[in-house]
Amino acid sequence: MIRIDSVGMAVEPLDMRAGTESTLARVVKVFGATHPRTAYLFANRRANRMKVLVHDGIGIWLAARRLHRGKFIWPHNVEGTLTLSRVQLEALVLGFPGR
């Protein structure tokens, strides 16, 4: 199991063709550095795809999620990054009950 202590959300869209190295470079550009046990979230322009990069203290994990219907709830008209709680991360990734 991957331990996640903090979550950062990038507001600017990410090209979902980006692999591990490109996404890691984007994390460094947007967040300044990678920190152990931190998840970094990115979405595409339409917010129907998301990538999560996690630095577990030893290496890097990259996961992708694609929605066949609907969109992720992603902030607009906000600059920079946001910090999410664990509950917010789970709600974003897993969705809200009844939706």
PDB file of N, CA and C in Angstrom:
ATOM      1  N   MET A   1       0.839  -1.175   0.000  1.00  0.00           N
ATOM      2  CA  MET A   1       0.000   0.000   0.000  1.00  0.00           C
ATOM      3  C   MET A   1       0.886   1.240   0.000  1.00  0.00           C
ATOM      4  N   ILE A   2       0.507   2.229  -0.787  1.00  0.00           N
ATOM      5  CA  ILE A   2       1.257   3.467  -0.883  1.00  0.00           C
ATOM      6  C   ILE A   2       0.717   4.448   0.156  1.00  0.00           C
ATOM      7  N   ARG A   3       1.596   4.948   0.977  1.00  0.00           N
ATOM      8  CA  ARG A   3       1.199   5.919   2.003  1.00  0.00           C
ATOM      9  C   ARG A   3       1.205   7.321   1.399  1.00  0.00           C
ATOM     10  N   ILE A   4       0.093   8.025   1.584  1.00  0.00           N
ATOM     11  CA  ILE A   4      -0.030   9.403   1.098  1.00  0.00           C
ATOM     12  C   ILE A   4      -0.383  10.280   2.286  1.00  0.00           C
ATOM     13  N   ASP A   5       0.495  11.234   2.583  1.00  0.00           N
ATOM     14  CA  ASP A   5       0.262  12.151   3.693  1.00  0.00           C
ATOM     15  C   ASP A   5      -0.271  13.501   3.245  1.00  0.00           C
ATOM     16  N   SER A   6       0.048  13.902   2.022  1.00  0.00           N
ATOM     17  CA  SER A   6      -0.465  15.176   1.522  1.00  0.00           C
ATOM     18  C   SER A   6      -0.755  15.066   0.035  1.00  0.00           C
ATOM     19  N   VAL A   7      -1.648  15.944  -0.432  1.00  0.00           N
ATOM     20  CA  VAL A   7      -2.106  15.897  -1.813  1.00  0.00           C
ATOM     21  C   VAL A   7      -2.066  17.301  -2.399  1.00  0.00           C
ATOM     22  N   GLY A   8      -1.426  17.426  -3.552  1.00  0.00           N
ATOM     23  CA  GLY A   8      -1.407  18.690  -4.276  1.00  0.00           C
ATOM     24  C   GLY A   8      -2.132  18.549  -5.590  1.00  0.00           C
ATOM     25  N   MET A   9      -2.935  19.539  -5.918  1.00  0.00           N
ATOM     26  CA  MET A   9      -3.711  19.518  -7.161  1.00  0.00           C
ATOM     27  C   MET A   9      -3.247  20.669  -8.049  1.00  0.00           C
ATOM     28  N   ALA A  10      -2.830  20.337  -9.256  1.00  0.00           N
ATOM     29  CA  ALA A  10      -2.448  21.363 -10.224  1.00  0.00           C
ATOM     30  C   ALA A  10      -3.689  21.805 -10.980  1.00  0.00           C
ATOM     31  N   VAL A  11      -3.847  23.094 -11.137  1.00  0.00           N
ATOM     32  CA  VAL A  11      -5.025  23.627 -11.813  1.00  0.00           C
ATOM     33  C   VAL A  11      -4.853  23.606 -13.334  1.00  0.00           C
ATOM     34  N   GLU A  12      -3.650  23.882 -13.814  1.00  0.00           N
ATOM     35  CA  GLU A  12      -3.382  23.879 -15.256  1.00  0.00           C
ATOM     36  C   GLU A  12      -3.513  22.471 -15.819  1.00  0.00           C
ATOM     37  N   PRO A  13      -4.130  22.309 -16.992  1.00  0.00           N
ATOM     38  CA  PRO A  13      -4.282  20.975 -17.579  1.00  0.00           C
ATOM     39  C   PRO A  13      -2.942  20.358 -17.984  1.00  0.00           C
ATOM     40  N   LEU A  14      -2.916  19.036 -18.006  1.00  0.00           N
ATOM     41  CA  LEU A  14      -1.740  18.268 -18.401  1.00  0.00           C
ATOM     42  C   LEU A  14      -2.092  17.454 -19.637  1.00  0.00           C
ATOM     43  N   ASP A  15      -1.166  17.370 -20.578  1.00  0.00           N
ATOM     44  CA  ASP A  15      -1.329  16.510 -21.742  1.00  0.00           C
ATOM     45  C   ASP A  15      -1.253  15.070 -21.238  1.00  0.00           C
ATOM     46  N   MET A  16      -2.295  14.308 -21.431  1.00  0.00           N
ATOM     47  CA  MET A  16      -2.363  12.954 -20.888  1.00  0.00           C
ATOM     48  C   MET A  16      -1.430  11.977 -21.595  1.00  0.00           C
ATOM     49  N   ARG A  17      -0.759  12.418 -22.638  1.00  0.00           N
ATOM     50  CA  ARG A  17       0.252  11.572 -23.268  1.00  0.00           C
ATOM     51  C   ARG A  17       1.549  11.584 -22.464  1.00  0.00           C
ATOM     52  N   ALA A  18       1.659  12.471 -21.492  1.00  0.00           N
ATOM     53  CA  ALA A  18       2.869  12.594 -20.673  1.00  0.00           C
ATOM     54  C   ALA A  18       3.114  11.306 -19.898  1.00  0.00           C
ATOM     55  N   GLY A  19       4.345  10.844 -19.942  1.00  0.00           N
ATOM     56  CA  GLY A  19       4.741   9.661 -19.196  1.00  0.00           C
ATOM     57  C   GLY A  19       5.279  10.047 -17.830  1.00  0.00           C
ATOM     58  N   THR A  20       5.938   9.116 -17.189  1.00  0.00           N
ATOM     59  CA  THR A  20       6.445   9.341 -15.836  1.00  0.00           C
ATOM     60  C   THR A  20       7.431  10.501 -15.777  1.00  0.00           C
ATOM     61  N   GLU A  21       8.405  10.524 -16.665  1.00  0.00           N
ATOM     62  CA  GLU A  21       9.427  11.580 -16.617  1.00  0.00           C
ATOM     63  C   GLU A  21       8.839  12.952 -16.916  1.00  0.00           C
ATOM     64  N   SER A  22       7.967  13.037 -17.901  1.00  0.00           N
ATOM     65  CA  SER A  22       7.346  14.319 -18.239  1.00  0.00           C
ATOM     66  C   SER A  22       6.448  14.818 -17.114  1.00  0.00           C
ATOM     67  N   THR A  23       5.698  13.909 -16.516  1.00  0.00           N
ATOM     68  CA  THR A  23       4.825  14.293 -15.409  1.00  0.00           C
ATOM     69  C   THR A  23       5.650  14.708 -14.198  1.00  0.00           C
ATOM     70  N   LEU A  24       6.734  13.997 -13.938  1.00  0.00           N
ATOM     71  CA  LEU A  24       7.624  14.369 -12.839  1.00  0.00           C
ATOM     72  C   LEU A  24       8.220  15.758 -13.075  1.00  0.00           C
ATOM     73  N   ALA A  25       8.622  16.046 -14.297  1.00  0.00           N
ATOM     74  CA  ALA A  25       9.156  17.373 -14.628  1.00  0.00           C
ATOM     75  C   ALA A  25       8.091  18.440 -14.410  1.00  0.00           C
ATOM     76  N   ARG A  26       6.852  18.124 -14.725  1.00  0.00           N
ATOM     77  CA  ARG A  26       5.746  19.071 -14.506  1.00  0.00           C
ATOM     78  C   ARG A  26       5.514  19.303 -13.022  1.00  0.00           C
ATOM     79  N   VAL A  27       5.630  18.245 -12.216  1.00  0.00           N
ATOM     80  CA  VAL A  27       5.501  18.399 -10.762  1.00  0.00           C
ATOM     81  C   VAL A  27       6.550  19.372 -10.246  1.00  0.00           C
ATOM     82  N   VAL A  28       7.783  19.187 -10.667  1.00  0.00           N
ATOM     83  CA  VAL A  28       8.870  20.065 -10.216  1.00  0.00           C
ATOM     84  C   VAL A  28       8.611  21.501 -10.667  1.00  0.00           C
ATOM     85  N   LYS A  29       8.132  21.667 -11.894  1.00  0.00           N
ATOM     86  CA  LYS A  29       7.851  23.010 -12.402  1.00  0.00           C
ATOM     87  C   LYS A  29       6.708  23.683 -11.639  1.00  0.00           C
ATOM     88  N   VAL A  30       5.642  22.951 -11.390  1.00  0.00           N
ATOM     89  CA  VAL A  30       4.443  23.528 -10.780  1.00  0.00           C
ATOM     90  C   VAL A  30       4.551  23.627  -9.256  1.00  0.00           C
ATOM     91  N   PHE A  31       5.067  22.568  -8.623  1.00  0.00           N
ATOM     92  CA  PHE A  31       5.094  22.517  -7.157  1.00  0.00           C
ATOM     93  C   PHE A  31       6.463  22.863  -6.575  1.00  0.00           C
ATOM     94  N   GLY A  32       7.488  22.981  -7.403  1.00  0.00           N
ATOM     95  CA  GLY A  32       8.817  23.345  -6.934  1.00  0.00           C
ATOM     96  C   GLY A  32       9.729  22.165  -6.664  1.00  0.00           C
ATOM     97  N   ALA A  33       9.190  21.043  -6.236  1.00  0.00           N
ATOM     98  CA  ALA A  33       9.958  19.830  -5.940  1.00  0.00           C
ATOM     99  C   ALA A  33       8.978  18.707  -5.640  1.00  0.00           C
ATOM    100  N   THR A  34       9.485  17.483  -5.595  1.00  0.00           N
ATOM    101  CA  THR A  34       8.659  16.363  -5.138  1.00  0.00           C
ATOM    102  C   THR A  34       8.991  16.103  -3.682  1.00  0.00           C
ATOM    103  N   HIS A  35       7.987  15.729  -2.946  1.00  0.00           N
ATOM    104  CA  HIS A  35       8.161  15.436  -1.528  1.00  0.00           C
ATOM    105  C   HIS A  35       7.676  14.018  -1.247  1.00  0.00           C
ATOM    106  N   PRO A  36       8.378  13.286  -0.386  1.00  0.00           N
ATOM    107  CA  PRO A  36       7.962  11.913  -0.075  1.00  0.00           C
ATOM    108  C   PRO A  36       6.544  11.857   0.486  1.00  0.00           C
ATOM    109  N   ARG A  37       5.848  10.793   0.136  1.00  0.00           N
ATOM    110  CA  ARG A  37       4.487  10.516   0.596  1.00  0.00           C
ATOM    111  C   ARG A  37       3.499  11.610   0.200  1.00  0.00           C
ATOM    112  N   THR A  38       3.743  12.189  -0.975  1.00  0.00           N
ATOM    113  CA  THR A  38       2.861  13.230  -1.506  1.00  0.00           C
ATOM    114  C   THR A  38       2.331  12.796  -2.856  1.00  0.00           C
ATOM    115  N   ALA A  39       1.032  13.016  -3.065  1.00  0.00           N
ATOM    116  CA  ALA A  39       0.391  12.737  -4.346  1.00  0.00           C
ATOM    117  C   ALA A  39       0.177  14.057  -5.074  1.00  0.00           C
ATOM    118  N   TYR A  40       0.416  14.048  -6.368  1.00  0.00           N
ATOM    119  CA  TYR A  40       0.232  15.231  -7.199  1.00  0.00           C
ATOM    120  C   TYR A  40      -0.794  14.899  -8.271  1.00  0.00           C
ATOM    121  N   LEU A  41      -1.857  15.678  -8.352  1.00  0.00           N
ATOM    122  CA  LEU A  41      -2.960  15.413  -9.265  1.00  0.00           C
ATOM    123  C   LEU A  41      -2.948  16.368 -10.445  1.00  0.00           C
ATOM    124  N   PHE A  42      -3.217  15.823 -11.616  1.00  0.00           N
ATOM    125  CA  PHE A  42      -3.331  16.600 -12.845  1.00  0.00           C
ATOM    126  C   PHE A  42      -4.528  16.084 -13.629  1.00  0.00           C
ATOM    127  N   ALA A  43      -5.200  16.964 -14.341  1.00  0.00           N
ATOM    128  CA  ALA A  43      -6.302  16.562 -15.217  1.00  0.00           C
ATOM    129  C   ALA A  43      -6.046  17.117 -16.616  1.00  0.00           C
ATOM    130  N   ASN A  44      -6.736  16.552 -17.597  1.00  0.00           N
ATOM    131  CA  ASN A  44      -6.666  17.109 -18.941  1.00  0.00           C
ATOM    132  C   ASN A  44      -7.627  18.290 -19.037  1.00  0.00           C
ATOM    133  N   ARG A  45      -7.641  18.943 -20.180  1.00  0.00           N
ATOM    134  CA  ARG A  45      -8.455  20.146 -20.360  1.00  0.00           C
ATOM    135  C   ARG A  45      -9.942  19.878 -20.155  1.00  0.00           C
ATOM    136  N   ARG A  46     -10.427  18.722 -20.600  1.00  0.00           N
ATOM    137  CA  ARG A  46     -11.859  18.401 -20.456  1.00  0.00           C
ATOM    138  C   ARG A  46     -12.210  17.834 -19.080  1.00  0.00           C
ATOM    139  N   ALA A  47     -11.205  17.560 -18.269  1.00  0.00           N
ATOM    140  CA  ALA A  47     -11.374  17.030 -16.908  1.00  0.00           C
ATOM    141  C   ALA A  47     -12.062  15.665 -16.884  1.00  0.00           C
ATOM    142  N   ASN A  48     -11.895  14.885 -17.955  1.00  0.00           N
ATOM    143  CA  ASN A  48     -12.430  13.525 -17.931  1.00  0.00           C
ATOM    144  C   ASN A  48     -11.316  12.483 -17.762  1.00  0.00           C
ATOM    145  N   ARG A  49     -10.072  12.973 -17.656  1.00  0.00           N
ATOM    146  CA  ARG A  49      -8.925  12.106 -17.391  1.00  0.00           C
ATOM    147  C   ARG A  49      -8.066  12.752 -16.319  1.00  0.00           C
ATOM    148  N   MET A  50      -7.483  11.899 -15.491  1.00  0.00           N
ATOM    149  CA  MET A  50      -6.656  12.390 -14.401  1.00  0.00           C
ATOM    150  C   MET A  50      -5.412  11.523 -14.281  1.00  0.00           C
ATOM    151  N   LYS A  51      -4.299  12.147 -13.945  1.00  0.00           N
ATOM    152  CA  LYS A  51      -3.069  11.419 -13.620  1.00  0.00           C
ATOM    153  C   LYS A  51      -2.684  11.786 -12.198  1.00  0.00           C
ATOM    154  N   VAL A  52      -2.210  10.781 -11.483  1.00  0.00           N
ATOM    155  CA  VAL A  52      -1.759  10.961 -10.107  1.00  0.00           C
ATOM    156  C   VAL A  52      -0.333  10.451 -10.025  1.00  0.00           C
ATOM    157  N   LEU A  53       0.577  11.336  -9.662  1.00  0.00           N
ATOM    158  CA  LEU A  53       1.971  10.955  -9.465  1.00  0.00           C
ATOM    159  C   LEU A  53       2.225  10.960  -7.958  1.00  0.00           C
ATOM    160  N   VAL A  54       2.789   9.871  -7.457  1.00  0.00           N
ATOM    161  CA  VAL A  54       3.071   9.751  -6.025  1.00  0.00           C
ATOM    162  C   VAL A  54       4.552   9.452  -5.838  1.00  0.00           C
ATOM    163  N   HIS A  55       5.172  10.214  -4.969  1.00  0.00           N
ATOM    164  CA  HIS A  55       6.555   9.958  -4.559  1.00  0.00           C
ATOM    165  C   HIS A  55       6.439   9.226  -3.223  1.00  0.00           C
ATOM    166  N   ASP A  56       6.821   7.958  -3.181  1.00  0.00           N
ATOM    167  CA  ASP A  56       6.646   7.160  -1.963  1.00  0.00           C
ATOM    168  C   ASP A  56       7.870   7.177  -1.050  1.00  0.00           C
ATOM    169  N   GLY A  57       8.858   7.990  -1.365  1.00  0.00           N
ATOM    170  CA  GLY A  57      10.070   8.051  -0.558  1.00  0.00           C
ATOM    171  C   GLY A  57      11.200   7.231  -1.152  1.00  0.00           C
ATOM    172  N   ILE A  58      10.857   6.286  -2.027  1.00  0.00           N
ATOM    173  CA  ILE A  58      11.857   5.433  -2.681  1.00  0.00           C
ATOM    174  C   ILE A  58      11.837   5.656  -4.183  1.00  0.00           C
ATOM    175  N   GLY A  59      10.650   5.748  -4.738  1.00  0.00           N
ATOM    176  CA  GLY A  59      10.498   5.904  -6.178  1.00  0.00           C
ATOM    177  C   GLY A  59       9.221   6.656  -6.509  1.00  0.00           C
ATOM    178  N   ILE A  60       8.883   6.607  -7.776  1.00  0.00           N
ATOM    179  CA  ILE A  60       7.732   7.342  -8.291  1.00  0.00           C
ATOM    180  C   ILE A  60       6.688   6.357  -8.815  1.00  0.00           C
ATOM    181  N   TRP A  61       5.420   6.618  -8.503  1.00  0.00           N
ATOM    182  CA  TRP A  61       4.291   5.856  -9.028  1.00  0.00           C
ATOM    183  C   TRP A  61       3.468   6.811  -9.875  1.00  0.00           C
ATOM    184  N   LEU A  62       2.979   6.341 -11.013  1.00  0.00           N
ATOM    185  CA  LEU A  62       2.115   7.148 -11.865  1.00  0.00           C
ATOM    186  C   LEU A  62       0.878   6.327 -12.205  1.00  0.00           C
ATOM    187  N   ALA A  63      -0.278   6.881 -11.889  1.00  0.00           N
ATOM    188  CA  ALA A  63      -1.542   6.210 -12.181  1.00  0.00           C
ATOM    189  C   ALA A  63      -2.407   7.138 -13.020  1.00  0.00           C
ATOM    190  N   ALA A  64      -3.255   6.540 -13.841  1.00  0.00           N
ATOM    191  CA  ALA A  64      -4.161   7.317 -14.678  1.00  0.00           C
ATOM    192  C   ALA A  64      -5.577   6.796 -14.491  1.00  0.00           C
ATOM    193  N   ARG A  65      -6.528   7.699 -14.585  1.00  0.00           N
ATOM    194  CA  ARG A  65      -7.940   7.318 -14.508  1.00  0.00           C
ATOM    195  C   ARG A  65      -8.692   8.060 -15.598  1.00  0.00           C
ATOM    196  N   ARG A  66      -9.554   7.343 -16.306  1.00  0.00           N
ATOM    197  CA  ARG A  66     -10.350   7.940 -17.370  1.00  0.00           C
ATOM    198  C   ARG A  66     -11.811   7.674 -17.093  1.00  0.00           C
ATOM    199  N   LEU A  67     -12.628   8.699 -17.215  1.00  0.00           N
ATOM    200  CA  LEU A  67     -14.065   8.549 -17.048  1.00  0.00           C
ATOM    201  C   LEU A  67     -14.711   8.364 -18.413  1.00  0.00           C
ATOM    202  N   HIS A  68     -15.596   7.409 -18.521  1.00  0.00           N
ATOM    203  CA  HIS A  68     -16.311   7.193 -19.774  1.00  0.00           C
ATOM    204  C   HIS A  68     -17.475   8.172 -19.902  1.00  0.00           C
ATOM    205  N   ARG A  69     -18.013   8.584 -18.743  1.00  0.00           N
ATOM    206  CA  ARG A  69     -19.081   9.586 -18.716  1.00  0.00           C
ATOM    207  C   ARG A  69     -18.757  10.582 -17.613  1.00  0.00           C
ATOM    208  N   GLY A  70     -19.157  11.806 -17.811  1.00  0.00           N
ATOM    209  CA  GLY A  70     -18.994  12.821 -16.783  1.00  0.00           C
ATOM    210  C   GLY A  70     -17.586  13.400 -16.746  1.00  0.00           C
ATOM    211  N   LYS A  71     -17.335  14.166 -15.683  1.00  0.00           N
ATOM    212  CA  LYS A  71     -16.061  14.849 -15.506  1.00  0.00           C
ATOM    213  C   LYS A  71     -15.657  14.788 -14.042  1.00  0.00           C
ATOM    214  N   PHE A  72     -14.363  14.958 -13.824  1.00  0.00           N
ATOM    215  CA  PHE A  72     -13.892  15.165 -12.467  1.00  0.00           C
ATOM    216  C   PHE A  72     -14.223  16.605 -12.081  1.00  0.00           C
ATOM    217  N   ILE A  73     -14.468  16.827 -10.828  1.00  0.00           N
ATOM    218  CA  ILE A  73     -14.720  18.186 -10.356  1.00  0.00           C
ATOM    219  C   ILE A  73     -13.365  18.843 -10.200  1.00  0.00           C
ATOM    220  N   TRP A  74     -13.056  19.752 -11.125  1.00  0.00           N
ATOM    221  CA  TRP A  74     -11.731  20.381 -11.167  1.00  0.00           C
ATOM    222  C   TRP A  74     -11.898  21.883 -11.096  1.00  0.00           C
ATOM    223  N   PRO A  75     -11.074  22.567 -10.323  1.00  0.00           N
ATOM    224  CA  PRO A  75     -11.230  24.021 -10.180  1.00  0.00           C
ATOM    225  C   PRO A  75     -10.924  24.774 -11.473  1.00  0.00           C
ATOM    226  N   HIS A  76     -11.628  25.864 -11.665  1.00  0.00           N
ATOM    227  CA  HIS A  76     -11.399  26.762 -12.789  1.00  0.00           C
ATOM    228  C   HIS A  76     -11.178  28.162 -12.231  1.00  0.00           C
ATOM    229  N   ASN A  77     -10.560  28.995 -12.999  1.00  0.00           N
ATOM    230  CA  ASN A  77     -10.323  30.385 -12.615  1.00  0.00           C
ATOM    231  C   ASN A  77      -9.549  30.512 -11.310  1.00  0.00           C
ATOM    232  N   VAL A  78      -8.690  29.555 -11.054  1.00  0.00           N
ATOM    233  CA  VAL A  78      -7.806  29.585  -9.889  1.00  0.00           C
ATOM    234  C   VAL A  78      -6.392  29.421 -10.429  1.00  0.00           C
ATOM    235  N   GLU A  79      -5.456  30.142  -9.873  1.00  0.00           N
ATOM    236  CA  GLU A  79      -4.077  30.024 -10.348  1.00  0.00           C
ATOM    237  C   GLU A  79      -3.261  29.146  -9.418  1.00  0.00           C
ATOM    238  N   GLY A  80      -2.266  28.483  -9.996  1.00  0.00           N
ATOM    239  CA  GLY A  80      -1.319  27.722  -9.189  1.00  0.00           C
ATOM    240  C   GLY A  80      -1.796  26.345  -8.808  1.00  0.00           C
ATOM    241  N   THR A  81      -1.751  26.066  -7.515  1.00  0.00           N
ATOM    242  CA  THR A  81      -2.072  24.735  -7.016  1.00  0.00           C
ATOM    243  C   THR A  81      -3.001  24.831  -5.818  1.00  0.00           C
ATOM    244  N   LEU A  82      -3.602  23.698  -5.488  1.00  0.00           N
ATOM    245  CA  LEU A  82      -4.454  23.588  -4.313  1.00  0.00           C
ATOM    246  C   LEU A  82      -3.985  22.402  -3.491  1.00  0.00           C
ATOM    247  N   THR A  83      -4.279  22.422  -2.212  1.00  0.00           N
ATOM    248  CA  THR A  83      -3.982  21.302  -1.333  1.00  0.00           C
ATOM    249  C   THR A  83      -5.293  20.636  -0.959  1.00  0.00           C
ATOM    250  N   LEU A  84      -5.337  19.316  -1.054  1.00  0.00           N
ATOM    251  CA  LEU A  84      -6.538  18.560  -0.730  1.00  0.00           C
ATOM    252  C   LEU A  84      -6.296  17.692   0.498  1.00  0.00           C
ATOM    253  N   SER A  85      -7.363  17.390   1.204  1.00  0.00           N
ATOM    254  CA  SER A  85      -7.292  16.446   2.324  1.00  0.00           C
ATOM    255  C   SER A  85      -7.453  15.035   1.772  1.00  0.00           C
ATOM    256  N   ARG A  86      -7.227  14.058   2.594  1.00  0.00           N
ATOM    257  CA  ARG A  86      -7.388  12.657   2.182  1.00  0.00           C
ATOM    258  C   ARG A  86      -8.837  12.376   1.780  1.00  0.00           C
ATOM    259  N   VAL A  87      -9.780  12.926   2.527  1.00  0.00           N
ATOM    260  CA  VAL A  87     -11.202  12.742   2.232  1.00  0.00           C
ATOM    261  C   VAL A  87     -11.540  13.373   0.880  1.00  0.00           C
ATOM    262  N   GLN A  88     -11.019  14.558   0.602  1.00  0.00           N
ATOM    263  CA  GLN A  88     -11.257  15.201  -0.683  1.00  0.00           C
ATOM    264  C   GLN A  88     -10.658  14.398  -1.824  1.00  0.00           C
ATOM    265  N   LEU A  89      -9.466  13.829  -1.609  1.00  0.00           N
ATOM    266  CA  LEU A  89      -8.840  12.987  -2.624  1.00  0.00           C
ATOM    267  C   LEU A  89      -9.711  11.783  -2.934  1.00  0.00           C
ATOM    268  N   GLU A  90     -10.179  11.102  -1.917  1.00  0.00           N
ATOM    269  CA  GLU A  90     -11.027   9.934  -2.124  1.00  0.00           C
ATOM    270  C   GLU A  90     -12.328  10.307  -2.812  1.00  0.00           C
ATOM    271  N   ALA A  91     -12.918  11.425  -2.442  1.00  0.00           N
ATOM    272  CA  ALA A  91     -14.167  11.866  -3.082  1.00  0.00           C
ATOM    273  C   ALA A  91     -13.922  12.187  -4.550  1.00  0.00           C
ATOM    274  N   LEU A  92     -12.803  12.812  -4.853  1.00  0.00           N
ATOM    275  CA  LEU A  92     -12.486  13.160  -6.231  1.00  0.00           C
ATOM    276  C   LEU A  92     -12.226  11.923  -7.081  1.00  0.00           C
ATOM    277  N   VAL A  93     -11.420  11.009  -6.565  1.00  0.00           N
ATOM    278  CA  VAL A  93     -11.015   9.831  -7.335  1.00  0.00           C
ATOM    279  C   VAL A  93     -12.132   8.785  -7.399  1.00  0.00           C
ATOM    280  N   LEU A  94     -12.781   8.532  -6.285  1.00  0.00           N
ATOM    281  CA  LEU A  94     -13.796   7.486  -6.233  1.00  0.00           C
ATOM    282  C   LEU A  94     -15.193   7.977  -6.581  1.00  0.00           C
ATOM    283  N   GLY A  95     -15.416   9.269  -6.473  1.00  0.00           N
ATOM    284  CA  GLY A  95     -16.733   9.837  -6.746  1.00  0.00           C
ATOM    285  C   GLY A  95     -17.585   9.859  -5.496  1.00  0.00           C
ATOM    286  N   PHE A  96     -18.626  10.625  -5.556  1.00  0.00           N
ATOM    287  CA  PHE A  96     -19.535  10.747  -4.424  1.00  0.00           C
ATOM    288  C   PHE A  96     -20.611   9.679  -4.524  1.00  0.00           C
ATOM    289  N   PRO A  97     -21.064   9.130  -3.383  1.00  0.00           N
ATOM    290  CA  PRO A  97     -22.132   8.128  -3.431  1.00  0.00           C
ATOM    291  C   PRO A  97     -23.395   8.699  -4.086  1.00  0.00           C
ATOM    292  N   GLY A  98     -24.021   7.908  -4.892  1.00  0.00           N
ATOM    293  CA  GLY A  98     -25.274   8.327  -5.523  1.00  0.00           C
ATOM    294  C   GLY A  98     -25.088   9.141  -6.794  1.00  0.00           C
ATOM    295  N   ARG A  99     -23.830   9.334  -7.232  1.00  0.00           N
ATOM    296  CA  ARG A  99     -23.579  10.102  -8.462  1.00  0.00           C
ATOM    297  C   ARG A  99     -23.145   9.185  -9.566  1.00  0.00           C
TER     298      ARG A  99
END
